Amino acid sequence: MPLLEIEDLHVEFPTQGGVMHAVEGVSLTLDEGEVLGIVGESGSGKSVTMMALMGLIPFPGRVRARTLRFAGHDLLGISDRERRRLVGKDMAMIFQEPTTSLNPCFTVGWQLVEALRLHSPLDKASAKKRAIELLEQVGIPAAHTRMNDYPHQMSGGMNQRVMIAMAISCNPRLLIADEPTTALDVTIQAQILDLLRALQKERGMALVLITHNMGVVSEMARRVAVMYAGQVMEQRPVAQLFSDPQHPYTEALLSALPERGPSGHRLATIPGVVPGIFDRPAGCLFAPRCAYATAHSLAVRPELKDWKDGQVRCHYPLGDPTRQERIEQDTPVKIEAVS
């Protein structure tokens, strides 16, 4: 049985202008010890999907799913008390911005000790000793002294290491890292990724890595889910996805990588923007920006289907030998996307 099962997850936010479908029909699974990368542009629903799993969608947001299960626990039916026992202990999350996730009114040591005492039977002295060990494990020098520092006295990279220490403090079975290297310089980014990779292998925990950096995914993940406008567009093993993308959106993302483009030329871009509440297409959500759009794809919403060694949500997968013929039959449409 998979450690994590998500089937047909929807997250909706009612607004005065209508319902915003932040996540629409997402299905994912994750095995023990597996690393899953979730990629896509900002606004594609990556973080919201994992926040729904953690029970962090604020009112008036609504979460519904056919299945939302972690380690045998039905996350749709458990009580708040049961969820609090899971979150932070068996299931932990590293948030995108550490300086807003740590409480500025308390030292980092106090916050680490508090997390340990909440989820383990350690007394105060033992929890403090364990907190120092965790800070040392994530590479913070003079950990004993740093225990007395407030978040504002530490750099962004150090705060991120504190967040990682807090997340792994209770040996979680699942660690969710939401853009763990955002706003960090390149050297610190590499250090944080190396640290996450080492901790994942050492502890055998499952890892979900949320990012818009395809290079990070290629180094870290075993399997990749590509999200767009709240839907999973493609989900395949990382090597196959990078060498042979099947969805036009995945192809466009990979084409935008500097190493994929010809030397001396401008980087490839995807015209237009992710659709919002007022411009959500009736058909394929990517069709208004797709180079292969047809009248059919603009009108009919594709389903996520098994394809090759994974899944794809497209009327015309790139590896389909009949795709060009079918595109011509369905009347190609020239898209005038707004940048």
Protein backbone atom coordinates (compact mmCIF):
# COMPACT_ATOMS: atom_id res chain seq x y z
CA MET A 1 0.00 0.00 0.00
CA PRO A 2 1.38 3.48 -0.87
CA LEU A 3 2.34 5.77 1.99
CA LEU A 4 0.34 8.61 0.44
CA GLU A 5 -2.78 8.36 -1.73
CA ILE A 6 -4.50 11.37 -3.28
CA GLU A 7 -7.37 10.75 -5.67
CA ASP A 8 -9.49 13.41 -7.37
CA LEU A 9 -8.52 16.23 -5.00
CA HIS A 10 -10.31 19.56 -5.40
CA VAL A 11 -9.55 22.79 -3.52
CA GLU A 12 -11.95 25.69 -4.12
CA PHE A 13 -12.12 29.24 -2.84
CA PRO A 14 -15.49 31.05 -3.09
CA THR A 15 -15.14 34.69 -4.14
CA GLN A 16 -17.50 37.49 -5.05
CA GLY A 17 -16.75 36.79 -8.71
CA GLY A 18 -17.36 33.04 -8.46
CA VAL A 19 -15.50 29.93 -7.36
CA MET A 20 -11.73 29.79 -7.86
CA HIS A 21 -10.63 26.22 -8.64
CA ALA A 22 -7.12 26.27 -7.21
CA VAL A 23 -6.76 22.48 -7.46
CA GLU A 24 -8.92 20.43 -9.80
CA GLY A 25 -8.93 16.64 -9.88
CA VAL A 26 -5.35 15.99 -8.73
CA SER A 27 -4.38 12.34 -8.17
CA LEU A 28 -0.96 11.37 -6.78
CA THR A 29 0.61 8.44 -4.93
CA LEU A 30 3.88 8.19 -3.04
CA ASP A 31 5.68 5.14 -1.70
CA GLU A 32 7.85 4.88 1.40
CA GLY A 33 11.24 6.46 0.76
CA GLU A 34 10.31 7.80 -2.69
CA VAL A 35 11.16 11.31 -3.91
CA LEU A 36 8.43 13.03 -5.94
CA GLY A 37 9.01 16.36 -7.67
CA ILE A 38 6.06 18.67 -8.35
CA VAL A 39 6.83 21.39 -10.90
CA GLY A 40 4.95 24.16 -12.67
CA GLU A 41 4.60 27.92 -12.88
CA SER A 42 3.51 30.06 -9.96
CA GLY A 43 -0.24 29.66 -9.52
CA SER A 44 -0.32 26.08 -10.80
CA GLY A 45 -1.58 24.64 -7.48
CA LYS A 46 1.58 22.91 -6.25
CA SER A 47 1.67 24.37 -2.73
CA VAL A 48 -2.12 24.36 -2.31
CA THR A 49 -2.23 20.62 -3.04
CA MET A 50 0.19 19.88 -0.21
CA MET A 51 -1.43 22.39 2.15
CA ALA A 52 -4.73 20.54 1.64
CA LEU A 53 -2.94 17.34 2.63
CA MET A 54 -1.63 19.02 5.78
CA GLY A 55 -5.04 20.49 6.66
CA LEU A 56 -3.81 24.06 6.23
CA ILE A 57 -6.41 25.42 3.80
CA PRO A 58 -7.97 28.43 5.57
CA PHE A 59 -11.67 29.26 5.60
CA PRO A 60 -13.56 29.77 3.31
CA GLY A 61 -11.49 27.33 1.23
CA ARG A 62 -13.14 23.96 0.60
CA VAL A 63 -11.32 20.63 0.24
CA ARG A 64 -12.94 17.53 -1.22
CA ALA A 65 -11.49 14.33 -2.63
CA ARG A 66 -12.39 10.76 -3.42
CA THR A 67 -9.36 9.61 -1.42
CA LEU A 68 -6.96 11.54 0.82
CA ARG A 69 -5.03 8.98 2.82
CA PHE A 70 -1.67 8.98 4.59
CA ALA A 71 -0.15 5.89 6.26
CA GLY A 72 -3.60 4.30 6.52
CA HIS A 73 -5.24 7.43 8.00
CA ASP A 74 -8.22 8.92 6.19
CA LEU A 75 -7.32 12.62 6.26
CA LEU A 76 -10.85 13.61 5.26
CA GLY A 77 -12.43 11.88 8.23
CA ILE A 78 -9.96 12.24 11.11
CA SER A 79 -10.56 14.66 13.98
CA ASP A 80 -8.53 17.82 14.50
CA ARG A 81 -6.84 16.17 17.47
CA GLU A 82 -5.75 13.15 15.38
CA ARG A 83 -4.50 15.45 12.62
CA ARG A 84 -2.38 17.42 15.10
CA ARG A 85 -0.75 14.17 16.18
CA LEU A 86 0.17 13.40 12.56
CA VAL A 87 1.23 16.83 11.35
CA GLY A 88 4.69 17.71 12.63
CA LYS A 89 5.46 14.14 13.64
CA ASP A 90 4.81 11.65 10.82
CA MET A 91 4.15 14.33 8.20
CA ALA A 92 6.19 17.54 8.17
CA MET A 93 6.57 20.52 5.86
CA ILE A 94 9.35 22.99 5.12
CA PHE A 95 7.61 26.19 4.10
CA GLN A 96 8.66 28.46 1.27
CA GLU A 97 9.78 31.47 3.32
CA PRO A 98 11.56 30.56 6.59
CA THR A 99 11.63 34.12 7.94
CA THR A 100 7.81 34.22 7.97
CA SER A 101 7.46 30.64 9.23
CA LEU A 102 9.58 31.09 12.36
CA ASN A 103 8.14 33.14 15.21
CA PRO A 104 10.22 36.34 15.58
CA CYS A 105 9.32 36.62 19.29
CA PHE A 106 11.07 33.40 20.36
CA THR A 107 14.59 32.05 19.95
CA VAL A 108 15.14 29.28 17.43
CA GLY A 109 16.14 26.98 20.28
CA TRP A 110 12.86 27.59 22.13
CA GLN A 111 10.89 26.83 18.97
CA LEU A 112 12.80 23.60 18.33
CA VAL A 113 12.39 22.44 21.92
CA GLU A 114 8.67 23.25 21.81
CA ALA A 115 8.19 21.12 18.67
CA LEU A 116 10.10 18.21 20.23
CA ARG A 117 8.17 18.29 23.50
CA LEU A 118 4.85 18.51 21.66
CA HIS A 119 5.42 15.35 19.63
CA SER A 120 7.71 13.26 21.86
CA PRO A 121 7.97 12.22 25.54
CA LEU A 122 11.26 14.11 26.04
CA ASP A 123 11.68 16.31 29.10
CA LYS A 124 13.00 19.86 28.71
CA ALA A 125 16.68 19.00 29.22
CA SER A 126 16.57 16.05 26.82
CA ALA A 127 14.66 18.10 24.24
CA LYS A 128 17.28 20.86 24.43
CA LYS A 129 20.09 18.35 23.94
CA ARG A 130 18.24 16.84 20.97
CA ALA A 131 17.65 20.32 19.49
CA ILE A 132 21.38 21.07 19.60
CA GLU A 133 22.09 17.74 17.86
CA LEU A 134 19.58 18.60 15.14
CA LEU A 135 21.14 22.02 14.52
CA GLU A 136 24.55 20.38 14.23
CA GLN A 137 23.11 17.77 11.85
CA VAL A 138 21.80 20.44 9.48
CA GLY A 139 25.16 22.18 9.42
CA ILE A 140 24.74 25.12 11.79
CA PRO A 141 28.09 25.94 13.45
CA ALA A 142 28.28 26.68 17.19
CA ALA A 143 24.83 25.14 17.58
CA HIS A 144 24.82 25.50 21.37
CA THR A 145 25.24 29.27 21.06
CA ARG A 146 22.86 29.60 18.11
CA MET A 147 20.07 28.11 20.22
CA ASN A 148 19.77 31.55 21.87
CA ASP A 149 19.48 33.48 18.58
CA TYR A 150 16.25 34.97 17.27
CA PRO A 151 15.35 34.41 13.59
CA HIS A 152 16.31 37.98 12.63
CA GLN A 153 19.83 37.35 13.93
CA MET A 154 20.38 34.55 11.41
CA SER A 155 20.77 34.60 7.64
CA GLY A 156 18.13 33.26 5.26
CA GLY A 157 20.14 30.10 4.70
CA MET A 158 20.53 29.53 8.45
CA ASN A 159 16.80 30.07 9.02
CA GLN A 160 16.08 27.53 6.31
CA ARG A 161 18.35 25.04 8.08
CA VAL A 162 16.46 25.67 11.32
CA MET A 163 13.20 24.95 9.49
CA ILE A 164 14.67 21.70 8.15
CA ALA A 165 15.85 20.75 11.65
CA MET A 166 12.36 21.40 13.02
CA ALA A 167 10.75 19.39 10.21
CA ILE A 168 12.96 16.31 10.72
CA SER A 169 13.02 16.54 14.53
CA CYS A 170 10.45 13.77 15.01
CA ASN A 171 11.68 11.52 12.17
CA PRO A 172 8.72 12.06 9.81
CA ARG A 173 7.77 9.42 7.28
CA LEU A 174 6.90 12.16 4.80
CA LEU A 175 8.71 15.49 4.35
CA ILE A 176 7.23 18.15 2.08
CA ALA A 177 9.73 20.78 0.93
CA ASP A 178 7.94 23.79 -0.59
CA GLU A 179 10.44 25.79 -2.66
CA PRO A 180 13.17 25.18 -0.03
CA THR A 181 15.76 27.25 -1.91
CA THR A 182 13.70 30.34 -2.78
CA ALA A 183 15.48 33.68 -2.12
CA LEU A 184 18.77 31.93 -1.33
CA ASP A 185 21.95 32.51 -3.32
CA VAL A 186 23.22 29.76 -5.61
CA THR A 187 25.87 28.43 -3.20
CA ILE A 188 23.41 28.15 -0.31
CA GLN A 189 20.81 26.57 -2.63
CA ALA A 190 23.26 23.79 -3.47
CA GLN A 191 24.04 23.24 0.23
CA ILE A 192 20.35 23.02 1.17
CA LEU A 193 19.63 20.53 -1.64
CA ASP A 194 22.64 18.40 -0.67
CA LEU A 195 21.42 18.45 2.93
CA LEU A 196 17.89 17.37 1.95
CA ARG A 197 19.25 14.59 -0.26
CA ALA A 198 21.51 13.29 2.51
CA LEU A 199 18.76 13.41 5.16
CA GLN A 200 16.27 11.65 2.87
CA LYS A 201 18.68 8.81 2.17
CA GLU A 202 19.85 8.53 5.77
CA ARG A 203 16.35 8.42 7.26
CA GLY A 204 14.56 6.67 4.39
CA MET A 205 11.72 9.17 4.45
CA ALA A 206 9.49 9.99 1.52
CA LEU A 207 10.09 13.46 0.10
CA VAL A 208 7.83 15.73 -1.94
CA LEU A 209 9.84 18.54 -3.53
CA ILE A 210 7.77 21.48 -4.76
CA THR A 211 9.65 23.76 -7.14
CA HIS A 212 9.60 25.62 -10.44
CA ASN A 213 13.25 24.73 -11.03
CA MET A 214 13.47 21.83 -13.48
CA GLY A 215 17.19 21.45 -12.80
CA VAL A 216 16.54 20.78 -9.11
CA VAL A 217 13.97 18.13 -10.01
CA SER A 218 16.34 16.36 -12.39
CA GLU A 219 18.90 16.00 -9.58
CA MET A 220 16.60 15.13 -6.69
CA ALA A 221 13.44 13.33 -7.82
CA ARG A 222 12.68 9.84 -8.98
CA ARG A 223 9.27 10.76 -10.40
CA VAL A 224 7.84 14.09 -11.56
CA ALA A 225 4.32 15.53 -11.65
CA VAL A 226 3.92 18.58 -13.89
CA MET A 227 1.06 20.83 -12.75
CA TYR A 228 -0.71 23.62 -14.58
CA ALA A 229 -3.74 25.67 -13.48
CA GLY A 230 -4.56 23.22 -10.68
CA GLN A 231 -4.30 20.03 -12.76
CA VAL A 232 -1.63 17.37 -13.24
CA MET A 233 -0.68 17.55 -16.92
CA GLU A 234 1.98 14.85 -16.95
CA GLN A 235 3.38 12.39 -14.41
CA ARG A 236 6.32 10.15 -15.30
CA PRO A 237 9.76 8.94 -14.13
CA VAL A 238 12.23 11.81 -14.19
CA ALA A 239 14.61 10.39 -16.81
CA GLN A 240 11.84 9.62 -19.29
CA LEU A 241 10.14 12.97 -18.77
CA PHE A 242 13.32 14.92 -19.47
CA SER A 243 14.36 12.84 -22.48
CA ASP A 244 10.92 12.38 -24.04
CA PRO A 245 8.24 14.82 -22.74
CA GLN A 246 4.71 13.94 -23.79
CA HIS A 247 2.70 17.05 -22.91
CA PRO A 248 3.20 20.34 -24.82
CA TYR A 249 3.44 22.20 -21.50
CA THR A 250 6.26 19.96 -20.30
CA GLU A 251 7.97 20.42 -23.67
CA ALA A 252 7.63 24.21 -23.32
CA LEU A 253 9.05 24.21 -19.76
CA LEU A 254 12.06 22.16 -20.83
CA SER A 255 12.60 24.34 -23.89
CA ALA A 256 12.93 27.36 -21.58
CA LEU A 257 15.98 25.86 -19.85
CA PRO A 258 19.17 27.69 -20.90
CA GLU A 259 21.04 24.45 -21.57
CA ARG A 260 18.31 23.29 -23.97
CA GLY A 261 18.42 26.36 -26.21
CA PRO A 262 20.95 27.14 -28.96
CA SER A 263 23.97 29.15 -27.86
CA GLY A 264 23.66 32.88 -28.39
CA HIS A 265 19.89 32.87 -28.86
CA ARG A 266 17.13 34.27 -26.66
CA LEU A 267 15.58 31.86 -24.17
CA ALA A 268 12.32 30.26 -25.23
CA THR A 269 9.21 31.57 -23.44
CA ILE A 270 5.62 30.46 -23.04
CA PRO A 271 3.25 33.24 -24.19
CA GLY A 272 0.31 34.26 -21.99
CA VAL A 273 -0.36 33.53 -18.33
CA VAL A 274 -1.92 30.82 -16.16
CA PRO A 275 -5.73 31.26 -16.36
CA GLY A 276 -7.53 32.80 -13.40
CA ILE A 277 -11.12 32.79 -12.24
CA PHE A 278 -12.48 34.85 -15.14
CA ASP A 279 -10.58 33.36 -18.09
CA ARG A 280 -10.64 29.62 -17.35
CA PRO A 281 -11.08 27.81 -20.68
CA ALA A 282 -13.94 25.38 -21.30
CA GLY A 283 -11.56 22.87 -22.89
CA CYS A 284 -7.91 22.11 -22.20
CA LEU A 285 -6.59 24.61 -19.67
CA PHE A 286 -3.32 24.95 -21.55
CA ALA A 287 -4.95 25.33 -24.99
CA PRO A 288 -4.89 29.18 -25.04
CA ARG A 289 -1.07 29.02 -24.80
CA CYS A 290 -0.46 25.80 -26.75
CA ALA A 291 1.33 25.72 -30.10
CA TYR A 292 -0.76 22.68 -31.10
CA ALA A 293 -4.21 24.00 -30.11
CA THR A 294 -7.27 23.00 -32.16
CA ALA A 295 -10.95 23.85 -32.08
CA HIS A 296 -11.48 20.51 -30.35
CA SER A 297 -8.92 21.15 -27.58
CA LEU A 298 -10.42 24.60 -26.92
CA ALA A 299 -13.86 23.07 -26.43
CA VAL A 300 -13.28 19.66 -24.81
CA ARG A 301 -11.50 19.11 -21.45
CA PRO A 302 -9.00 16.19 -21.71
CA GLU A 303 -8.82 13.52 -19.01
CA LEU A 304 -5.65 12.30 -17.31
CA LYS A 305 -4.91 8.96 -18.97
CA ASP A 306 -2.27 6.26 -18.72
CA TRP A 307 0.35 6.87 -21.39
CA LYS A 308 3.67 5.16 -22.03
CA ASP A 309 5.40 4.85 -18.62
CA GLY A 310 3.16 7.34 -16.79
CA GLN A 311 0.16 9.58 -17.29
CA VAL A 312 -0.64 12.55 -19.52
CA ARG A 313 -3.59 14.95 -19.84
CA CYS A 314 -3.59 15.84 -23.53
CA HIS A 315 -5.69 15.22 -26.65
CA TYR A 316 -2.50 14.98 -28.71
CA PRO A 317 0.42 13.48 -26.73
CA LEU A 318 3.74 14.19 -28.39
CA GLY A 319 4.55 10.49 -28.74
CA ASP A 320 1.28 9.63 -30.50
CA PRO A 321 2.13 8.62 -34.12
CA THR A 322 -1.31 9.81 -35.29
CA ARG A 323 -1.21 13.20 -33.54
CA GLN A 324 -0.41 15.39 -36.58
CA GLU A 325 -3.15 13.78 -38.62
CA ARG A 326 -5.66 14.24 -35.81
CA ILE A 327 -4.59 17.85 -35.22
CA GLU A 328 -5.26 18.64 -38.88
CA GLN A 329 -8.62 16.89 -38.75
CA ASP A 330 -9.64 18.84 -35.61
CA THR A 331 -8.79 22.22 -37.24
CA PRO A 332 -5.63 23.86 -35.88
CA VAL A 333 -6.17 27.25 -34.25
CA LYS A 334 -3.64 30.06 -34.16
CA ILE A 335 -3.51 31.27 -30.59
CA GLU A 336 -3.03 34.99 -29.97
CA ALA A 337 -1.93 34.71 -26.34
CA VAL A 338 -1.68 37.85 -24.23
CA SER A 339 1.74 38.22 -22.57
